Amino acid sequence: MSVKIVDITNKEVVFREAVARGFLRVDEETMSELMNNGFSGLGNAAAIAKVSAINATKMAWRYIPLLHPIPITYVEARVHYEKNGIEMAVLARTRAQTGVEMDALFGLFVGLLAAWNTIKGCSRTCVPEWVTNFMGQKVQSCGSSRVDGIFDIRVSNKVKSESGVGPGIEGFNDNAGGPPIITMFDVTMEPTYYGEASARGFIRLREETVELIRQGKVEKGDVIAVSKTAAIMAAKKTWEVLPLVHLNYLTYVNVDVRVVEDGVEVLVDTRNVSNTGSAMEAVFATGVALLTVWDMVKKYEKDEKGQYPNTVIKEIRVLKALKTPAV
């Protein structure tokens, strides 16, 4: 099966806008800290999320393989703190021959992941548990996390117009404040670890779209092969996109893409030998795989108004994150 970027050479240049929204579920104690003090973990989660989202929106074409590089003319990112997590919205605009929704979705995902990375770590109420690592050794792991995962990534509005852009981000109150505290975790004195992580994500699609993937009839090509490749490449580039992630020595990445009844499930396993783990690499790879699926099938997911009423990345979660000292 061939793989291609769809030819848009002869399409008209018009104003385009898209708003993407999603949610990062966080434990209530951490959210209380963020709302009261403006920072938690490595600093101001909202500030790092917004900057990361804006930068990522401009670079989406580098990570979603079949996405056209288009001139992004405006990006806006907003954050709303809630009792149980962080809601985020990203607006992207362009004047081009193709839409900007995938760019907004990628920016949103990276923004939420940057917030996750800022506040991640074992919660104060963590109950340690013993688990088996990939080498068959019993190691102690934190049984819970401050972050439950990313949920409900969707396009809330999409505009295509010859006369101008749309209304922007409507009905979204940005209530995040706090001092501009941003730090990178110092791993200089950390020991070398054997790290391993697993992440899972799911995108809901229309039944007709799922069947096209099964039959290998998607116009852009082999959805499974392209999304797997995109995920592996993304895992190695996570440090480029997330400002507070260290350059990691990844030693293994495996991606499993499964077509299920109502969508596509992605599972990513990573291993590394470094001063830190590879959970963020696993999550980033999972999200890029899901967004690659979305990009390849978006033609079939749009309704008559060009919107995505059914398409949503329902969840992206860490299933396992372990670090075993290399002694």
C-alpha atoms as a PDB file:
ATOM      1  CA  MET A   1       0.000   0.000   0.000  1.00  0.00           C
ATOM      2  CA  SER A   2       1.330   3.439  -0.931  1.00  0.00           C
ATOM      3  CA  VAL A   3       1.705   6.271   1.582  1.00  0.00           C
ATOM      4  CA  LYS A   4       1.290   9.889   0.529  1.00  0.00           C
ATOM      5  CA  ILE A   5       0.656  13.453   1.569  1.00  0.00           C
ATOM      6  CA  VAL A   6      -2.584  14.469  -0.129  1.00  0.00           C
ATOM      7  CA  ASP A   7      -2.078  16.903  -3.018  1.00  0.00           C
ATOM      8  CA  ILE A   8      -3.460  20.335  -2.114  1.00  0.00           C
ATOM      9  CA  THR A   9      -1.595  22.252  -4.809  1.00  0.00           C
ATOM     10  CA  ASN A  10      -4.730  23.478  -6.587  1.00  0.00           C
ATOM     11  CA  LYS A  11      -6.889  24.114  -3.510  1.00  0.00           C
ATOM     12  CA  GLU A  12      -7.918  27.687  -2.732  1.00  0.00           C
ATOM     13  CA  VAL A  13      -6.178  29.701  -0.053  1.00  0.00           C
ATOM     14  CA  VAL A  14      -8.702  30.740   2.614  1.00  0.00           C
ATOM     15  CA  PHE A  15      -8.823  31.760   6.261  1.00  0.00           C
ATOM     16  CA  ARG A  16      -8.860  28.766   8.612  1.00  0.00           C
ATOM     17  CA  GLU A  17      -9.202  28.405  12.357  1.00  0.00           C
ATOM     18  CA  ALA A  18      -9.500  25.551  14.835  1.00  0.00           C
ATOM     19  CA  VAL A  19      -9.941  25.263  18.589  1.00  0.00           C
ATOM     20  CA  ALA A  20      -8.822  22.089  20.392  1.00  0.00           C
ATOM     21  CA  ARG A  21      -9.675  21.280  24.002  1.00  0.00           C
ATOM     22  CA  GLY A  22      -8.621  18.595  26.458  1.00  0.00           C
ATOM     23  CA  PHE A  23      -8.237  17.739  30.143  1.00  0.00           C
ATOM     24  CA  LEU A  24      -5.399  16.597  32.410  1.00  0.00           C
ATOM     25  CA  ARG A  25      -6.747  14.774  35.471  1.00  0.00           C
ATOM     26  CA  VAL A  26      -4.720  15.595  38.595  1.00  0.00           C
ATOM     27  CA  ASP A  27      -5.136  14.717  42.277  1.00  0.00           C
ATOM     28  CA  GLU A  28      -7.007  17.273  44.370  1.00  0.00           C
ATOM     29  CA  GLU A  29      -4.109  18.051  46.709  1.00  0.00           C
ATOM     30  CA  THR A  30      -1.871  19.060  43.823  1.00  0.00           C
ATOM     31  CA  MET A  31      -4.646  21.143  42.249  1.00  0.00           C
ATOM     32  CA  SER A  32      -5.183  22.910  45.564  1.00  0.00           C
ATOM     33  CA  GLU A  33      -1.487  23.737  45.619  1.00  0.00           C
ATOM     34  CA  LEU A  34      -1.614  25.059  42.045  1.00  0.00           C
ATOM     35  CA  MET A  35      -4.677  27.201  42.677  1.00  0.00           C
ATOM     36  CA  ASN A  36      -3.411  28.591  45.976  1.00  0.00           C
ATOM     37  CA  ASN A  37       0.290  29.039  45.216  1.00  0.00           C
ATOM     38  CA  GLY A  38       0.449  29.036  41.428  1.00  0.00           C
ATOM     39  CA  PHE A  39       3.108  26.340  41.270  1.00  0.00           C
ATOM     40  CA  SER A  40       3.755  22.682  42.116  1.00  0.00           C
ATOM     41  CA  GLY A  41       6.562  20.257  41.392  1.00  0.00           C
ATOM     42  CA  LEU A  42       8.922  21.934  38.926  1.00  0.00           C
ATOM     43  CA  GLY A  43       7.004  25.206  38.861  1.00  0.00           C
ATOM     44  CA  ASN A  44       4.134  27.030  37.201  1.00  0.00           C
ATOM     45  CA  ALA A  45       2.310  24.309  35.251  1.00  0.00           C
ATOM     46  CA  ALA A  46       0.079  26.747  33.358  1.00  0.00           C
ATOM     47  CA  ALA A  47       2.964  28.907  32.176  1.00  0.00           C
ATOM     48  CA  ILE A  48       5.020  26.000  30.848  1.00  0.00           C
ATOM     49  CA  ALA A  49       1.899  24.452  29.291  1.00  0.00           C
ATOM     50  CA  LYS A  50       1.009  27.602  27.368  1.00  0.00           C
ATOM     51  CA  VAL A  51       4.486  28.256  26.017  1.00  0.00           C
ATOM     52  CA  SER A  52       4.936  24.586  25.080  1.00  0.00           C
ATOM     53  CA  ALA A  53       1.550  24.501  23.333  1.00  0.00           C
ATOM     54  CA  ILE A  54       2.246  27.589  21.249  1.00  0.00           C
ATOM     55  CA  ASN A  55       5.662  26.327  20.191  1.00  0.00           C
ATOM     56  CA  ALA A  56       4.354  22.837  19.424  1.00  0.00           C
ATOM     57  CA  THR A  57       1.472  24.139  17.311  1.00  0.00           C
ATOM     58  CA  LYS A  58       4.009  25.721  14.963  1.00  0.00           C
ATOM     59  CA  MET A  59       5.970  22.459  14.728  1.00  0.00           C
ATOM     60  CA  ALA A  60       3.201  19.867  14.405  1.00  0.00           C
ATOM     61  CA  TRP A  61       4.197  19.004  10.841  1.00  0.00           C
ATOM     62  CA  ARG A  62       7.561  17.727  12.106  1.00  0.00           C
ATOM     63  CA  TYR A  63       5.959  15.009  14.215  1.00  0.00           C
ATOM     64  CA  ILE A  64       2.772  14.019  12.350  1.00  0.00           C
ATOM     65  CA  PRO A  65       4.267  12.454   9.221  1.00  0.00           C
ATOM     66  CA  LEU A  66       1.625  13.244   6.583  1.00  0.00           C
ATOM     67  CA  LEU A  67       0.694  16.715   7.835  1.00  0.00           C
ATOM     68  CA  HIS A  68       1.352  19.637   5.490  1.00  0.00           C
ATOM     69  CA  PRO A  69       3.695  22.377   6.750  1.00  0.00           C
ATOM     70  CA  ILE A  70       1.557  25.527   6.709  1.00  0.00           C
ATOM     71  CA  PRO A  71       2.160  29.105   7.912  1.00  0.00           C
ATOM     72  CA  ILE A  72       0.640  29.371  11.376  1.00  0.00           C
ATOM     73  CA  THR A  73      -0.416  33.004  11.716  1.00  0.00           C
ATOM     74  CA  TYR A  74      -1.746  32.998  15.292  1.00  0.00           C
ATOM     75  CA  VAL A  75      -1.797  30.711  18.314  1.00  0.00           C
ATOM     76  CA  GLU A  76      -3.519  31.254  21.660  1.00  0.00           C
ATOM     77  CA  ALA A  77      -3.430  28.904  24.657  1.00  0.00           C
ATOM     78  CA  ARG A  78      -5.628  29.108  27.756  1.00  0.00           C
ATOM     79  CA  VAL A  79      -5.609  27.108  30.989  1.00  0.00           C
ATOM     80  CA  HIS A  80      -8.418  26.618  33.483  1.00  0.00           C
ATOM     81  CA  TYR A  81      -7.707  25.065  36.878  1.00  0.00           C
ATOM     82  CA  GLU A  82     -10.439  22.862  38.307  1.00  0.00           C
ATOM     83  CA  LYS A  83     -10.704  20.865  41.518  1.00  0.00           C
ATOM     84  CA  ASN A  84      -9.720  17.612  39.788  1.00  0.00           C
ATOM     85  CA  GLY A  85      -7.463  18.761  36.997  1.00  0.00           C
ATOM     86  CA  ILE A  86      -6.422  21.164  34.268  1.00  0.00           C
ATOM     87  CA  GLU A  87      -8.553  22.018  31.268  1.00  0.00           C
ATOM     88  CA  MET A  88      -6.771  23.552  28.293  1.00  0.00           C
ATOM     89  CA  ALA A  89      -7.812  25.142  25.007  1.00  0.00           C
ATOM     90  CA  VAL A  90      -5.586  25.972  22.037  1.00  0.00           C
ATOM     91  CA  LEU A  91      -6.610  28.170  19.116  1.00  0.00           C
ATOM     92  CA  ALA A  92      -4.668  28.129  15.831  1.00  0.00           C
ATOM     93  CA  ARG A  93      -5.184  30.280  12.735  1.00  0.00           C
ATOM     94  CA  THR A  94      -3.746  30.283   9.241  1.00  0.00           C
ATOM     95  CA  ARG A  95      -4.438  31.445   5.703  1.00  0.00           C
ATOM     96  CA  ALA A  96      -3.629  28.372   3.678  1.00  0.00           C
ATOM     97  CA  GLN A  97      -4.859  25.581   1.401  1.00  0.00           C
ATOM     98  CA  THR A  98      -5.573  23.109   4.192  1.00  0.00           C
ATOM     99  CA  GLY A  99      -6.945  23.113   7.713  1.00  0.00           C
ATOM    100  CA  VAL A 100      -5.187  23.848  10.969  1.00  0.00           C
ATOM    101  CA  GLU A 101      -7.025  21.479  13.334  1.00  0.00           C
ATOM    102  CA  MET A 102      -4.211  18.928  13.579  1.00  0.00           C
ATOM    103  CA  ASP A 103      -1.756  21.680  14.476  1.00  0.00           C
ATOM    104  CA  ALA A 104      -4.070  22.872  17.262  1.00  0.00           C
ATOM    105  CA  LEU A 105      -4.583  19.302  18.498  1.00  0.00           C
ATOM    106  CA  PHE A 106      -0.831  18.666  18.613  1.00  0.00           C
ATOM    107  CA  GLY A 107      -0.220  21.929  20.454  1.00  0.00           C
ATOM    108  CA  LEU A 108      -2.929  21.060  22.963  1.00  0.00           C
ATOM    109  CA  PHE A 109      -1.535  17.580  23.575  1.00  0.00           C
ATOM    110  CA  VAL A 110       1.986  18.888  24.107  1.00  0.00           C
ATOM    111  CA  GLY A 111       0.712  21.627  26.417  1.00  0.00           C
ATOM    112  CA  LEU A 112      -1.142  19.144  28.613  1.00  0.00           C
ATOM    113  CA  LEU A 113       1.862  16.822  28.616  1.00  0.00           C
ATOM    114  CA  ALA A 114       4.164  19.697  29.586  1.00  0.00           C
ATOM    115  CA  ALA A 115       1.875  20.441  32.539  1.00  0.00           C
ATOM    116  CA  TRP A 116       1.940  16.731  33.421  1.00  0.00           C
ATOM    117  CA  ASN A 117       5.723  16.700  33.329  1.00  0.00           C
ATOM    118  CA  THR A 118       5.868  19.791  35.540  1.00  0.00           C
ATOM    119  CA  ILE A 119       3.827  18.289  38.368  1.00  0.00           C
ATOM    120  CA  LYS A 120       4.444  14.558  37.899  1.00  0.00           C
ATOM    121  CA  GLY A 121       5.823  12.292  40.587  1.00  0.00           C
ATOM    122  CA  CYS A 122       4.481  10.204  43.430  1.00  0.00           C
ATOM    123  CA  SER A 123       1.677  11.817  45.358  1.00  0.00           C
ATOM    124  CA  ARG A 124       1.976  12.562  49.036  1.00  0.00           C
ATOM    125  CA  THR A 125      -0.498   9.768  49.790  1.00  0.00           C
ATOM    126  CA  CYS A 126       1.308   7.173  47.682  1.00  0.00           C
ATOM    127  CA  VAL A 127       1.261   3.587  48.888  1.00  0.00           C
ATOM    128  CA  PRO A 128       4.420   1.803  47.635  1.00  0.00           C
ATOM    129  CA  GLU A 129       4.004  -1.605  46.031  1.00  0.00           C
ATOM    130  CA  TRP A 130       6.341  -4.310  44.811  1.00  0.00           C
ATOM    131  CA  VAL A 131       6.325  -5.119  41.092  1.00  0.00           C
ATOM    132  CA  THR A 132       8.471  -7.079  38.622  1.00  0.00           C
ATOM    133  CA  ASN A 133      10.623  -5.128  36.163  1.00  0.00           C
ATOM    134  CA  PHE A 134      11.535  -6.191  32.614  1.00  0.00           C
ATOM    135  CA  MET A 135      14.582  -8.085  33.930  1.00  0.00           C
ATOM    136  CA  GLY A 136      12.416 -10.194  36.236  1.00  0.00           C
ATOM    137  CA  GLN A 137      13.577  -8.398  39.391  1.00  0.00           C
ATOM    138  CA  LYS A 138      11.265  -7.351  42.225  1.00  0.00           C
ATOM    139  CA  VAL A 139      11.421  -3.559  42.658  1.00  0.00           C
ATOM    140  CA  GLN A 140       9.421  -1.079  44.698  1.00  0.00           C
ATOM    141  CA  SER A 141       7.122   1.250  42.782  1.00  0.00           C
ATOM    142  CA  CYS A 142       4.772   4.037  43.778  1.00  0.00           C
ATOM    143  CA  GLY A 143       1.256   2.670  43.530  1.00  0.00           C
ATOM    144  CA  SER A 144      -0.402   5.969  42.629  1.00  0.00           C
ATOM    145  CA  SER A 145       0.461   9.188  40.829  1.00  0.00           C
ATOM    146  CA  ARG A 146      -0.370  12.860  41.023  1.00  0.00           C
ATOM    147  CA  VAL A 147      -1.599  12.647  37.415  1.00  0.00           C
ATOM    148  CA  ASP A 148      -4.192  10.160  36.180  1.00  0.00           C
ATOM    149  CA  GLY A 149      -3.773  10.957  32.489  1.00  0.00           C
ATOM    150  CA  ILE A 150      -4.960  13.058  29.551  1.00  0.00           C
ATOM    151  CA  PHE A 151      -8.608  12.824  28.551  1.00  0.00           C
ATOM    152  CA  ASP A 152     -11.092  13.971  25.919  1.00  0.00           C
ATOM    153  CA  ILE A 153      -8.848  15.666  23.364  1.00  0.00           C
ATOM    154  CA  ARG A 154     -11.207  17.006  20.717  1.00  0.00           C
ATOM    155  CA  VAL A 155     -11.775  19.752  18.150  1.00  0.00           C
ATOM    156  CA  SER A 156     -14.448  21.993  19.650  1.00  0.00           C
ATOM    157  CA  ASN A 157     -14.734  24.266  16.619  1.00  0.00           C
ATOM    158  CA  LYS A 158     -13.333  24.537  13.108  1.00  0.00           C
ATOM    159  CA  VAL A 159     -13.746  27.443  10.686  1.00  0.00           C
ATOM    160  CA  LYS A 160     -13.100  27.798   6.954  1.00  0.00           C
ATOM    161  CA  SER A 161     -13.913  31.184   5.436  1.00  0.00           C
ATOM    162  CA  GLU A 162     -13.018  33.450   2.545  1.00  0.00           C
ATOM    163  CA  SER A 163     -13.814  36.610   4.512  1.00  0.00           C
ATOM    164  CA  GLY A 164     -11.958  36.136   7.794  1.00  0.00           C
ATOM    165  CA  VAL A 165     -11.381  34.036  10.879  1.00  0.00           C
ATOM    166  CA  GLY A 166     -13.941  32.780  13.368  1.00  0.00           C
ATOM    167  CA  PRO A 167     -14.946  33.765  16.887  1.00  0.00           C
ATOM    168  CA  GLY A 168     -11.873  32.366  18.643  1.00  0.00           C
ATOM    169  CA  ILE A 169     -12.016  30.572  21.990  1.00  0.00           C
ATOM    170  CA  GLU A 170     -15.490  31.056  23.400  1.00  0.00           C
ATOM    171  CA  GLY A 171     -16.765  30.277  26.890  1.00  0.00           C
ATOM    172  CA  PHE A 172     -13.358  29.450  28.369  1.00  0.00           C
ATOM    173  CA  ASN A 173     -12.231  31.217  31.542  1.00  0.00           C
ATOM    174  CA  ASP A 174      -8.455  31.268  31.980  1.00  0.00           C
ATOM    175  CA  ASN A 175      -8.024  31.307  35.771  1.00  0.00           C
ATOM    176  CA  ALA A 176      -4.371  30.209  36.026  1.00  0.00           C
ATOM    177  CA  GLY A 177      -1.913  32.581  37.638  1.00  0.00           C
ATOM    178  CA  GLY A 178       1.080  32.322  39.922  1.00  0.00           C
ATOM    179  CA  PRO A 179       4.736  33.358  39.868  1.00  0.00           C
ATOM    180  CA  PRO A 180       6.888  32.485  36.828  1.00  0.00           C
ATOM    181  CA  ILE A 181       8.688  29.605  38.527  1.00  0.00           C
ATOM    182  CA  ILE A 182      10.044  27.057  36.043  1.00  0.00           C
ATOM    183  CA  THR A 183      12.899  24.673  36.807  1.00  0.00           C
ATOM    184  CA  MET A 184      14.428  21.582  35.260  1.00  0.00           C
ATOM    185  CA  PHE A 185      14.866  18.702  37.675  1.00  0.00           C
ATOM    186  CA  ASP A 186      18.548  18.285  38.531  1.00  0.00           C
ATOM    187  CA  VAL A 187      19.601  14.695  37.812  1.00  0.00           C
ATOM    188  CA  THR A 188      23.340  15.419  37.995  1.00  0.00           C
ATOM    189  CA  MET A 189      23.803  13.389  41.170  1.00  0.00           C
ATOM    190  CA  GLU A 190      21.162  10.778  40.350  1.00  0.00           C
ATOM    191  CA  PRO A 191      22.418   7.219  39.808  1.00  0.00           C
ATOM    192  CA  THR A 192      22.109   5.522  36.446  1.00  0.00           C
ATOM    193  CA  TYR A 193      18.821   3.645  36.159  1.00  0.00           C
ATOM    194  CA  TYR A 194      17.368   0.948  34.009  1.00  0.00           C
ATOM    195  CA  GLY A 195      14.083   2.658  33.215  1.00  0.00           C
ATOM    196  CA  GLU A 196      10.935   1.212  31.708  1.00  0.00           C
ATOM    197  CA  ALA A 197       7.493   2.608  31.012  1.00  0.00           C
ATOM    198  CA  SER A 198       4.252   1.664  29.325  1.00  0.00           C
ATOM    199  CA  ALA A 199       1.486   3.987  28.112  1.00  0.00           C
ATOM    200  CA  ARG A 200      -1.906   3.398  26.535  1.00  0.00           C
ATOM    201  CA  GLY A 201      -4.195   5.639  24.514  1.00  0.00           C
ATOM    202  CA  PHE A 202      -7.452   5.349  22.604  1.00  0.00           C
ATOM    203  CA  ILE A 203      -9.091   7.355  19.822  1.00  0.00           C
ATOM    204  CA  ARG A 204     -12.791   6.925  19.100  1.00  0.00           C
ATOM    205  CA  LEU A 205     -13.735   6.830  15.424  1.00  0.00           C
ATOM    206  CA  ARG A 206     -16.833   6.238  13.338  1.00  0.00           C
ATOM    207  CA  GLU A 207     -17.642   2.639  12.454  1.00  0.00           C
ATOM    208  CA  GLU A 208     -17.193   3.382   8.749  1.00  0.00           C
ATOM    209  CA  THR A 209     -13.725   4.773   9.382  1.00  0.00           C
ATOM    210  CA  VAL A 210     -12.705   1.751  11.453  1.00  0.00           C
ATOM    211  CA  GLU A 211     -13.759  -0.525   8.599  1.00  0.00           C
ATOM    212  CA  LEU A 212     -11.710   1.475   6.075  1.00  0.00           C
ATOM    213  CA  ILE A 213      -8.637   1.038   8.287  1.00  0.00           C
ATOM    214  CA  ARG A 214      -9.272  -2.704   8.563  1.00  0.00           C
ATOM    215  CA  GLN A 215      -9.597  -3.056   4.795  1.00  0.00           C
ATOM    216  CA  GLY A 216      -6.555  -0.911   4.034  1.00  0.00           C
ATOM    217  CA  LYS A 217      -8.624   1.583   2.031  1.00  0.00           C
ATOM    218  CA  VAL A 218      -7.586   4.842   3.699  1.00  0.00           C
ATOM    219  CA  GLU A 219      -6.480   7.270   0.983  1.00  0.00           C
ATOM    220  CA  LYS A 220      -3.317   8.392   2.768  1.00  0.00           C
ATOM    221  CA  GLY A 221      -2.034   4.828   3.206  1.00  0.00           C
ATOM    222  CA  ASP A 222      -1.363   2.211   5.872  1.00  0.00           C
ATOM    223  CA  VAL A 223      -2.625   3.783   9.106  1.00  0.00           C
ATOM    224  CA  ILE A 224      -1.082   1.165  11.385  1.00  0.00           C
ATOM    225  CA  ALA A 225       2.397   1.230   9.828  1.00  0.00           C
ATOM    226  CA  VAL A 226       2.594   5.024   9.634  1.00  0.00           C
ATOM    227  CA  SER A 227       1.337   5.589  13.202  1.00  0.00           C
ATOM    228  CA  LYS A 228       3.782   3.006  14.588  1.00  0.00           C
ATOM    229  CA  THR A 229       6.690   4.664  12.799  1.00  0.00           C
ATOM    230  CA  ALA A 230       5.583   8.117  13.942  1.00  0.00           C
ATOM    231  CA  ALA A 231       5.420   6.912  17.557  1.00  0.00           C
ATOM    232  CA  ILE A 232       8.919   5.444  17.509  1.00  0.00           C
ATOM    233  CA  MET A 233      10.364   8.605  15.996  1.00  0.00           C
ATOM    234  CA  ALA A 234       8.454  10.727  18.525  1.00  0.00           C
ATOM    235  CA  ALA A 235       9.775   8.792  21.519  1.00  0.00           C
ATOM    236  CA  LYS A 236      13.323   9.700  20.504  1.00  0.00           C
ATOM    237  CA  LYS A 237      12.424  13.380  20.081  1.00  0.00           C
ATOM    238  CA  THR A 238      10.457  13.966  23.277  1.00  0.00           C
ATOM    239  CA  TRP A 239      13.216  16.103  24.773  1.00  0.00           C
ATOM    240  CA  GLU A 240      12.915  18.498  21.798  1.00  0.00           C
ATOM    241  CA  VAL A 241       9.247  19.264  22.493  1.00  0.00           C
ATOM    242  CA  LEU A 242       8.936  19.178  26.297  1.00  0.00           C
ATOM    243  CA  PRO A 243      11.212  21.865  27.764  1.00  0.00           C
ATOM    244  CA  LEU A 244      11.733  20.150  31.135  1.00  0.00           C
ATOM    245  CA  VAL A 245      12.478  16.650  29.793  1.00  0.00           C
ATOM    246  CA  HIS A 246      16.086  15.475  29.721  1.00  0.00           C
ATOM    247  CA  LEU A 247      17.802  14.048  26.649  1.00  0.00           C
ATOM    248  CA  ASN A 248      17.318  10.355  27.367  1.00  0.00           C
ATOM    249  CA  TYR A 249      19.257   7.285  26.239  1.00  0.00           C
ATOM    250  CA  LEU A 250      16.367   5.194  24.957  1.00  0.00           C
ATOM    251  CA  THR A 251      17.368   1.588  24.422  1.00  0.00           C
ATOM    252  CA  TYR A 252      13.993   0.128  23.351  1.00  0.00           C
ATOM    253  CA  VAL A 253      10.676   1.344  21.951  1.00  0.00           C
ATOM    254  CA  ASN A 254       7.817  -0.933  20.957  1.00  0.00           C
ATOM    255  CA  VAL A 255       4.488   0.261  19.574  1.00  0.00           C
ATOM    256  CA  ASP A 256       1.340  -1.828  19.248  1.00  0.00           C
ATOM    257  CA  VAL A 257      -1.547  -0.325  17.255  1.00  0.00           C
ATOM    258  CA  ARG A 258      -4.806  -2.240  17.505  1.00  0.00           C
ATOM    259  CA  VAL A 259      -7.949  -1.587  15.485  1.00  0.00           C
ATOM    260  CA  VAL A 260     -10.914  -2.284  17.789  1.00  0.00           C
ATOM    261  CA  GLU A 261     -14.679  -2.049  17.422  1.00  0.00           C
ATOM    262  CA  ASP A 262     -15.074   1.693  17.959  1.00  0.00           C
ATOM    263  CA  GLY A 263     -11.625   3.089  17.240  1.00  0.00           C
ATOM    264  CA  VAL A 264      -7.892   2.523  17.535  1.00  0.00           C
ATOM    265  CA  GLU A 265      -5.895   1.632  20.649  1.00  0.00           C
ATOM    266  CA  VAL A 266      -2.179   2.394  20.980  1.00  0.00           C
ATOM    267  CA  LEU A 267       0.217   0.763  23.452  1.00  0.00           C
ATOM    268  CA  VAL A 268       3.818   1.967  23.789  1.00  0.00           C
ATOM    269  CA  ASP A 269       6.632   0.377  25.803  1.00  0.00           C
ATOM    270  CA  THR A 270       9.950   2.133  26.378  1.00  0.00           C
ATOM    271  CA  ARG A 271      13.217   1.254  28.084  1.00  0.00           C
ATOM    272  CA  ASN A 272      16.209   3.431  28.829  1.00  0.00           C
ATOM    273  CA  VAL A 273      19.545   3.612  30.622  1.00  0.00           C
ATOM    274  CA  SER A 274      19.802   7.122  32.055  1.00  0.00           C
ATOM    275  CA  ASN A 275      19.620   9.275  35.177  1.00  0.00           C
ATOM    276  CA  THR A 276      15.826   9.376  34.831  1.00  0.00           C
ATOM    277  CA  GLY A 277      12.940   7.262  33.538  1.00  0.00           C
ATOM    278  CA  SER A 278      11.105   7.229  30.201  1.00  0.00           C
ATOM    279  CA  ALA A 279       7.427   7.704  31.087  1.00  0.00           C
ATOM    280  CA  MET A 280       7.141  10.995  29.218  1.00  0.00           C
ATOM    281  CA  GLU A 281       8.660   9.393  26.134  1.00  0.00           C
ATOM    282  CA  ALA A 282       6.055   6.628  26.255  1.00  0.00           C
ATOM    283  CA  VAL A 283       3.188   9.102  26.668  1.00  0.00           C
ATOM    284  CA  PHE A 284       4.437  11.428  23.931  1.00  0.00           C
ATOM    285  CA  ALA A 285       4.846   8.517  21.512  1.00  0.00           C
ATOM    286  CA  THR A 286       1.319   7.322  22.318  1.00  0.00           C
ATOM    287  CA  GLY A 287      -0.191  10.739  21.674  1.00  0.00           C
ATOM    288  CA  VAL A 288       1.681  11.211  18.397  1.00  0.00           C
ATOM    289  CA  ALA A 289       0.503   7.799  17.185  1.00  0.00           C
ATOM    290  CA  LEU A 290      -3.116   8.697  17.979  1.00  0.00           C
ATOM    291  CA  LEU A 291      -2.842  12.097  16.297  1.00  0.00           C
ATOM    292  CA  THR A 292      -1.287  10.436  13.250  1.00  0.00           C
ATOM    293  CA  VAL A 293      -4.291   8.122  13.066  1.00  0.00           C
ATOM    294  CA  TRP A 294      -6.612  11.133  13.329  1.00  0.00           C
ATOM    295  CA  ASP A 295      -4.740  13.009  10.608  1.00  0.00           C
ATOM    296  CA  MET A 296      -4.846  10.056   8.221  1.00  0.00           C
ATOM    297  CA  VAL A 297      -8.589   9.465   8.617  1.00  0.00           C
ATOM    298  CA  LYS A 298      -9.878  13.006   9.198  1.00  0.00           C
ATOM    299  CA  LYS A 299     -11.415  13.072   5.713  1.00  0.00           C
ATOM    300  CA  TYR A 300     -13.841  10.350   6.811  1.00  0.00           C
ATOM    301  CA  GLU A 301     -14.529  11.767  10.282  1.00  0.00           C
ATOM    302  CA  LYS A 302     -15.822  15.205   9.270  1.00  0.00           C
ATOM    303  CA  ASP A 303     -19.533  15.904   9.083  1.00  0.00           C
ATOM    304  CA  GLU A 304     -21.260  18.028   6.419  1.00  0.00           C
ATOM    305  CA  LYS A 305     -20.160  21.194   8.269  1.00  0.00           C
ATOM    306  CA  GLY A 306     -16.520  20.128   8.426  1.00  0.00           C
ATOM    307  CA  GLN A 307     -16.656  19.449  12.184  1.00  0.00           C
ATOM    308  CA  TYR A 308     -15.635  16.347  14.172  1.00  0.00           C
ATOM    309  CA  PRO A 309     -18.691  15.435  16.271  1.00  0.00           C
ATOM    310  CA  ASN A 310     -17.566  11.847  16.950  1.00  0.00           C
ATOM    311  CA  THR A 311     -13.780  11.974  16.916  1.00  0.00           C
ATOM    312  CA  VAL A 312     -12.063  12.208  20.307  1.00  0.00           C
ATOM    313  CA  ILE A 313      -8.892  10.938  21.933  1.00  0.00           C
ATOM    314  CA  LYS A 314     -10.631   9.515  24.986  1.00  0.00           C
ATOM    315  CA  GLU A 315      -7.583   8.881  27.143  1.00  0.00           C
ATOM    316  CA  ILE A 316      -3.817   8.643  27.359  1.00  0.00           C
ATOM    317  CA  ARG A 317      -2.496   6.996  30.523  1.00  0.00           C
ATOM    318  CA  VAL A 318       0.716   5.647  31.993  1.00  0.00           C
ATOM    319  CA  LEU A 319       0.339   1.963  32.823  1.00  0.00           C
ATOM    320  CA  LYS A 320       3.825   1.469  34.264  1.00  0.00           C
ATOM    321  CA  ALA A 321       6.832   3.625  35.142  1.00  0.00           C
ATOM    322  CA  LEU A 322       9.802   1.982  36.867  1.00  0.00           C
ATOM    323  CA  LYS A 323      13.413   2.891  37.604  1.00  0.00           C
ATOM    324  CA  THR A 324      15.861   0.206  38.768  1.00  0.00           C
ATOM    325  CA  PRO A 325      19.333   1.385  39.862  1.00  0.00           C
ATOM    326  CA  ALA A 326      22.002  -0.048  37.569  1.00  0.00           C
ATOM    327  CA  VAL A 327      24.379  -1.539  40.108  1.00  0.00           C
END
